[in-house]
Amino acid sequence: MRTTGALIVLLAISACAADDQEGDTSMSEQALSNNEQTAFNYFVNKGLTKAQAAGIVGNLIQESSVIPTAVQYGGGPGRGIAQWSVGGRWDSGTDSVVHYANAHGLNRWALNTQLDFIWYELTNYGYGYSSLKAATNVTDATIAFEVHYEICGACNQTGRINYAKQVLAAYGGGGGGGGAGCYSGTLGREMPDNACVQSKFDRLWYQCSNGSWVDRWTDPAACNGVHPL
């Protein structure tokens, strides 16, 4: 179960914030959100493979928790699900979210607008579209989008890949090399299926279920290991 309110604002960190804290994978022990499923389905419907779509969404989780109203933590320039920069691809020139939204009569802060803009950039400006389309597994797809679209610095690549694996397992019917384990940001390692971990990010309990973290109390299978704080 996703937390809400003030906590979710804190979790809506940007890539830049995550770049400063390489080990920060603050969404890794929370159930996947409706926004993540919407984004995954959007890119699959555009013709990407499930692994490629999951690679994009894994990056967006790292960037913003796929929250379209996300503002970079600490007052930085990042905005939206991909944390486009103010003064750059958020609001400057024709290749920007604001220009695209205004040109199409859309709300710049809406999830579908921002998903449309990602697809517009990929198919009109490149940003690694050919590399993404050539990716045959979720790891390569995640890296392609990270390197060519997000163009981040110290990107916490491991966290992005593990988020993408969770997305693929949850919405893609598994596969893609994701395995049945879940990456724990609290413990800093991959955990086996049915491991139960108390998250350091919100102090709630989560259980690994077929490659995705779920709220402990909605999946009461026996824990194969219990890891309290």
Protein backbone atom coordinates (compact mmCIF):
# COMPACT_ATOMS: atom_id res chain seq x y z
CA MET A 1 0.00 0.00 0.00
CA ARG A 2 1.41 3.42 -0.97
CA THR A 3 1.71 6.05 1.70
CA THR A 4 0.03 9.40 1.07
CA GLY A 5 0.14 13.02 2.16
CA ALA A 6 3.33 14.58 3.43
CA LEU A 7 5.36 11.39 3.13
CA ILE A 8 4.62 10.93 -0.55
CA VAL A 9 5.81 14.49 -1.16
CA LEU A 10 9.11 13.62 0.48
CA LEU A 11 9.33 10.49 -1.62
CA ALA A 12 8.79 12.43 -4.83
CA ILE A 13 12.52 13.02 -5.09
CA SER A 14 14.25 13.89 -8.29
CA ALA A 15 17.10 12.15 -9.99
CA CYS A 16 19.38 14.95 -8.86
CA ALA A 17 18.53 14.25 -5.24
CA ALA A 18 19.02 10.56 -5.83
CA ASP A 19 22.32 11.27 -7.58
CA ASP A 20 23.61 12.75 -4.34
CA GLN A 21 22.56 9.64 -2.43
CA GLU A 22 23.56 6.67 -4.53
CA GLY A 23 21.95 4.17 -2.19
CA ASP A 24 18.60 5.92 -1.93
CA THR A 25 15.94 3.61 -3.35
CA SER A 26 13.13 4.96 -1.24
CA MET A 27 10.30 3.41 -3.25
CA SER A 28 11.80 -0.07 -3.37
CA GLU A 29 9.72 -1.45 -0.52
CA GLN A 30 6.36 -0.02 -1.42
CA ALA A 31 3.61 -1.50 -3.53
CA LEU A 32 3.51 -0.25 -7.09
CA SER A 33 1.11 2.60 -7.85
CA ASN A 34 -1.70 3.10 -10.32
CA ASN A 35 0.44 5.74 -12.06
CA GLU A 36 3.16 3.17 -12.66
CA GLN A 37 0.70 0.72 -14.16
CA THR A 38 -0.82 3.48 -16.31
CA ALA A 39 2.63 4.44 -17.60
CA PHE A 40 3.58 0.82 -18.29
CA ASN A 41 0.37 0.19 -20.22
CA TYR A 42 0.79 3.46 -22.12
CA PHE A 43 4.16 2.49 -23.56
CA VAL A 44 3.10 -1.09 -24.30
CA ASN A 45 0.13 0.30 -26.21
CA LYS A 46 2.55 2.47 -28.20
CA GLY A 47 4.23 -0.71 -29.44
CA LEU A 48 7.13 -1.14 -27.04
CA THR A 49 7.81 -4.55 -25.58
CA LYS A 50 6.93 -5.11 -21.95
CA ALA A 51 10.63 -5.09 -21.03
CA GLN A 52 11.15 -1.77 -22.81
CA ALA A 53 8.09 -0.21 -21.18
CA ALA A 54 9.22 -1.44 -17.76
CA GLY A 55 12.66 0.08 -18.38
CA ILE A 56 11.09 3.49 -18.90
CA VAL A 57 8.88 3.20 -15.83
CA GLY A 58 11.79 2.02 -13.67
CA ASN A 59 13.53 5.28 -14.53
CA LEU A 60 10.42 7.32 -13.81
CA ILE A 61 10.08 5.72 -10.38
CA GLN A 62 13.64 6.77 -9.57
CA GLU A 63 13.00 10.27 -10.91
CA SER A 64 9.66 11.12 -9.31
CA SER A 65 7.76 8.04 -8.13
CA VAL A 66 5.75 8.70 -11.35
CA ILE A 67 4.06 11.70 -9.74
CA PRO A 68 3.30 14.29 -12.44
CA THR A 69 3.20 17.18 -9.95
CA ALA A 70 6.59 16.29 -8.47
CA VAL A 71 8.91 19.22 -7.83
CA GLN A 72 12.57 18.49 -7.23
CA TYR A 73 13.34 17.92 -3.57
CA GLY A 74 15.20 20.85 -2.04
CA GLY A 75 13.92 23.41 -4.53
CA GLY A 76 15.87 22.27 -7.58
CA PRO A 77 14.78 22.70 -11.21
CA GLY A 78 13.30 19.23 -11.81
CA ARG A 79 9.61 18.98 -12.61
CA GLY A 80 7.19 16.18 -13.45
CA ILE A 81 7.57 12.44 -13.87
CA ALA A 82 10.89 12.67 -15.73
CA GLN A 83 12.12 15.66 -13.72
CA TRP A 84 12.62 17.86 -16.75
CA SER A 85 14.51 21.02 -15.80
CA VAL A 86 13.06 24.51 -15.50
CA GLY A 87 14.95 26.59 -18.03
CA GLY A 88 15.33 23.50 -20.19
CA ARG A 89 13.03 20.72 -21.31
CA TRP A 90 10.32 21.68 -18.83
CA ASP A 91 9.57 25.21 -20.07
CA SER A 92 12.15 26.49 -22.56
CA GLY A 93 11.78 26.34 -26.33
CA THR A 94 9.70 24.12 -28.57
CA ASP A 95 11.13 20.92 -27.07
CA SER A 96 9.55 21.41 -23.66
CA VAL A 97 6.62 20.11 -21.66
CA VAL A 98 5.07 23.56 -21.33
CA HIS A 99 5.23 24.30 -25.06
CA TYR A 100 3.85 20.86 -25.92
CA ALA A 101 0.99 21.19 -23.41
CA ASN A 102 0.07 24.69 -24.57
CA ALA A 103 0.19 23.68 -28.24
CA HIS A 104 -2.23 20.81 -27.61
CA GLY A 105 -4.47 22.51 -25.05
CA LEU A 106 -3.36 20.16 -22.28
CA ASN A 107 -2.52 20.46 -18.60
CA ARG A 108 1.25 20.35 -18.17
CA TRP A 109 0.84 18.71 -14.75
CA ALA A 110 -1.35 15.84 -15.98
CA LEU A 111 0.12 12.34 -16.15
CA ASN A 112 -1.13 11.63 -19.67
CA THR A 113 0.28 14.93 -20.94
CA GLN A 114 3.71 14.05 -19.63
CA LEU A 115 3.54 10.50 -21.00
CA ASP A 116 2.55 11.95 -24.38
CA PHE A 117 5.51 14.33 -24.20
CA ILE A 118 7.95 11.50 -23.48
CA TRP A 119 6.65 9.66 -26.53
CA TYR A 120 6.79 12.86 -28.60
CA GLU A 121 10.43 13.42 -27.64
CA LEU A 122 11.40 9.80 -28.26
CA THR A 123 9.82 9.69 -31.70
CA ASN A 124 10.71 13.21 -32.85
CA TYR A 125 14.00 14.06 -31.17
CA GLY A 126 15.49 10.62 -30.60
CA TYR A 127 16.83 10.63 -27.05
CA GLY A 128 17.93 7.02 -27.48
CA TYR A 129 14.74 5.73 -29.09
CA SER A 130 16.69 3.39 -31.39
CA SER A 131 18.70 2.03 -28.46
CA LEU A 132 15.52 1.52 -26.46
CA LYS A 133 13.82 -0.28 -29.35
CA ALA A 134 16.88 -2.49 -29.78
CA ALA A 135 16.87 -3.57 -26.12
CA THR A 136 15.80 -7.19 -25.70
CA ASN A 137 15.73 -7.30 -21.89
CA VAL A 138 14.65 -5.04 -19.07
CA THR A 139 18.19 -4.20 -17.91
CA ASP A 140 19.30 -2.94 -21.33
CA ALA A 141 16.06 -1.02 -21.78
CA THR A 142 16.46 0.69 -18.41
CA ILE A 143 20.02 1.71 -19.17
CA ALA A 144 19.13 2.97 -22.65
CA PHE A 145 16.46 5.30 -21.26
CA GLU A 146 18.67 6.37 -18.37
CA VAL A 147 21.67 7.23 -20.55
CA HIS A 148 19.96 8.79 -23.57
CA TYR A 149 16.71 10.25 -22.21
CA GLU A 150 17.28 11.10 -18.56
CA ILE A 151 20.95 11.97 -19.17
CA CYS A 152 21.63 11.97 -15.43
CA GLY A 153 24.96 11.99 -13.61
CA ALA A 154 25.39 9.42 -10.83
CA CYS A 155 22.07 7.82 -11.63
CA ASN A 156 21.72 4.98 -9.10
CA GLN A 157 21.52 2.58 -12.02
CA THR A 158 21.03 -0.44 -9.78
CA GLY A 159 17.94 1.12 -8.22
CA ARG A 160 16.48 1.96 -11.63
CA ILE A 161 16.99 -1.56 -12.90
CA ASN A 162 15.43 -3.10 -9.81
CA TYR A 163 12.41 -0.81 -10.05
CA ALA A 164 12.03 -1.82 -13.70
CA LYS A 165 12.19 -5.50 -12.76
CA GLN A 166 9.44 -4.95 -10.19
CA VAL A 167 7.28 -3.24 -12.81
CA LEU A 168 7.83 -6.05 -15.31
CA ALA A 169 7.03 -8.70 -12.72
CA ALA A 170 3.89 -6.89 -11.57
CA TYR A 171 2.41 -5.91 -14.92
CA GLY A 172 4.24 -7.82 -17.62
CA GLY A 173 3.53 -11.35 -16.53
CA GLY A 174 7.09 -11.77 -15.23
CA GLY A 175 10.08 -12.66 -17.33
CA GLY A 176 12.74 -10.34 -18.71
CA GLY A 177 15.36 -11.60 -16.29
CA GLY A 178 13.63 -10.06 -13.32
CA GLY A 179 13.50 -13.22 -11.26
CA ALA A 180 11.29 -13.69 -8.23
CA GLY A 181 13.36 -11.59 -5.82
CA CYS A 182 12.90 -7.96 -4.76
CA TYR A 183 15.56 -5.33 -4.15
CA SER A 184 15.46 -3.91 -0.61
CA GLY A 185 16.65 -0.34 -0.24
CA THR A 186 16.61 -0.82 3.54
CA LEU A 187 18.95 -3.81 3.49
CA GLY A 188 20.82 -2.85 0.33
CA ARG A 189 20.49 -6.22 -1.35
CA GLU A 190 18.16 -8.48 -3.33
CA MET A 191 15.74 -10.42 -1.13
CA PRO A 192 14.07 -13.76 -1.95
CA ASP A 193 10.38 -14.26 -2.52
CA ASN A 194 8.29 -14.00 0.69
CA ALA A 195 11.01 -12.13 2.60
CA CYS A 196 9.42 -9.64 5.03
CA VAL A 197 11.21 -6.34 5.58
CA GLN A 198 10.40 -3.34 7.75
CA SER A 199 11.20 -0.35 5.55
CA LYS A 200 13.52 2.31 6.94
CA PHE A 201 11.73 4.84 4.74
CA ASP A 202 8.29 4.62 6.34
CA ARG A 203 8.77 1.94 9.08
CA LEU A 204 5.98 -0.18 7.55
CA TRP A 205 6.28 -3.89 6.76
CA TYR A 206 6.50 -5.19 3.17
CA GLN A 207 6.70 -8.67 1.74
CA CYS A 208 8.34 -9.74 -1.51
CA SER A 209 5.71 -11.40 -3.69
CA ASN A 210 6.72 -12.70 -7.13
CA GLY A 211 9.21 -9.90 -7.72
CA SER A 212 7.21 -7.01 -6.23
CA TRP A 213 6.96 -5.55 -2.75
CA VAL A 214 3.42 -5.67 -1.37
CA ASP A 215 1.92 -4.52 1.89
CA ARG A 216 2.60 -7.27 4.41
CA TRP A 217 -0.99 -7.50 5.58
CA THR A 218 -2.51 -7.90 2.13
CA ASP A 219 -0.44 -10.98 1.33
CA PRO A 220 -0.30 -13.02 4.55
CA ALA A 221 1.81 -15.91 3.22
CA ALA A 222 4.39 -17.14 5.67
CA CYS A 223 7.56 -15.04 5.70
CA ASN A 224 10.69 -16.97 4.82
CA GLY A 225 12.69 -14.38 6.73
CA VAL A 226 11.79 -11.42 8.96
CA HIS A 227 13.97 -8.30 8.92
CA PRO A 228 12.92 -5.61 11.45
CA LEU A 229 14.70 -2.28 11.83
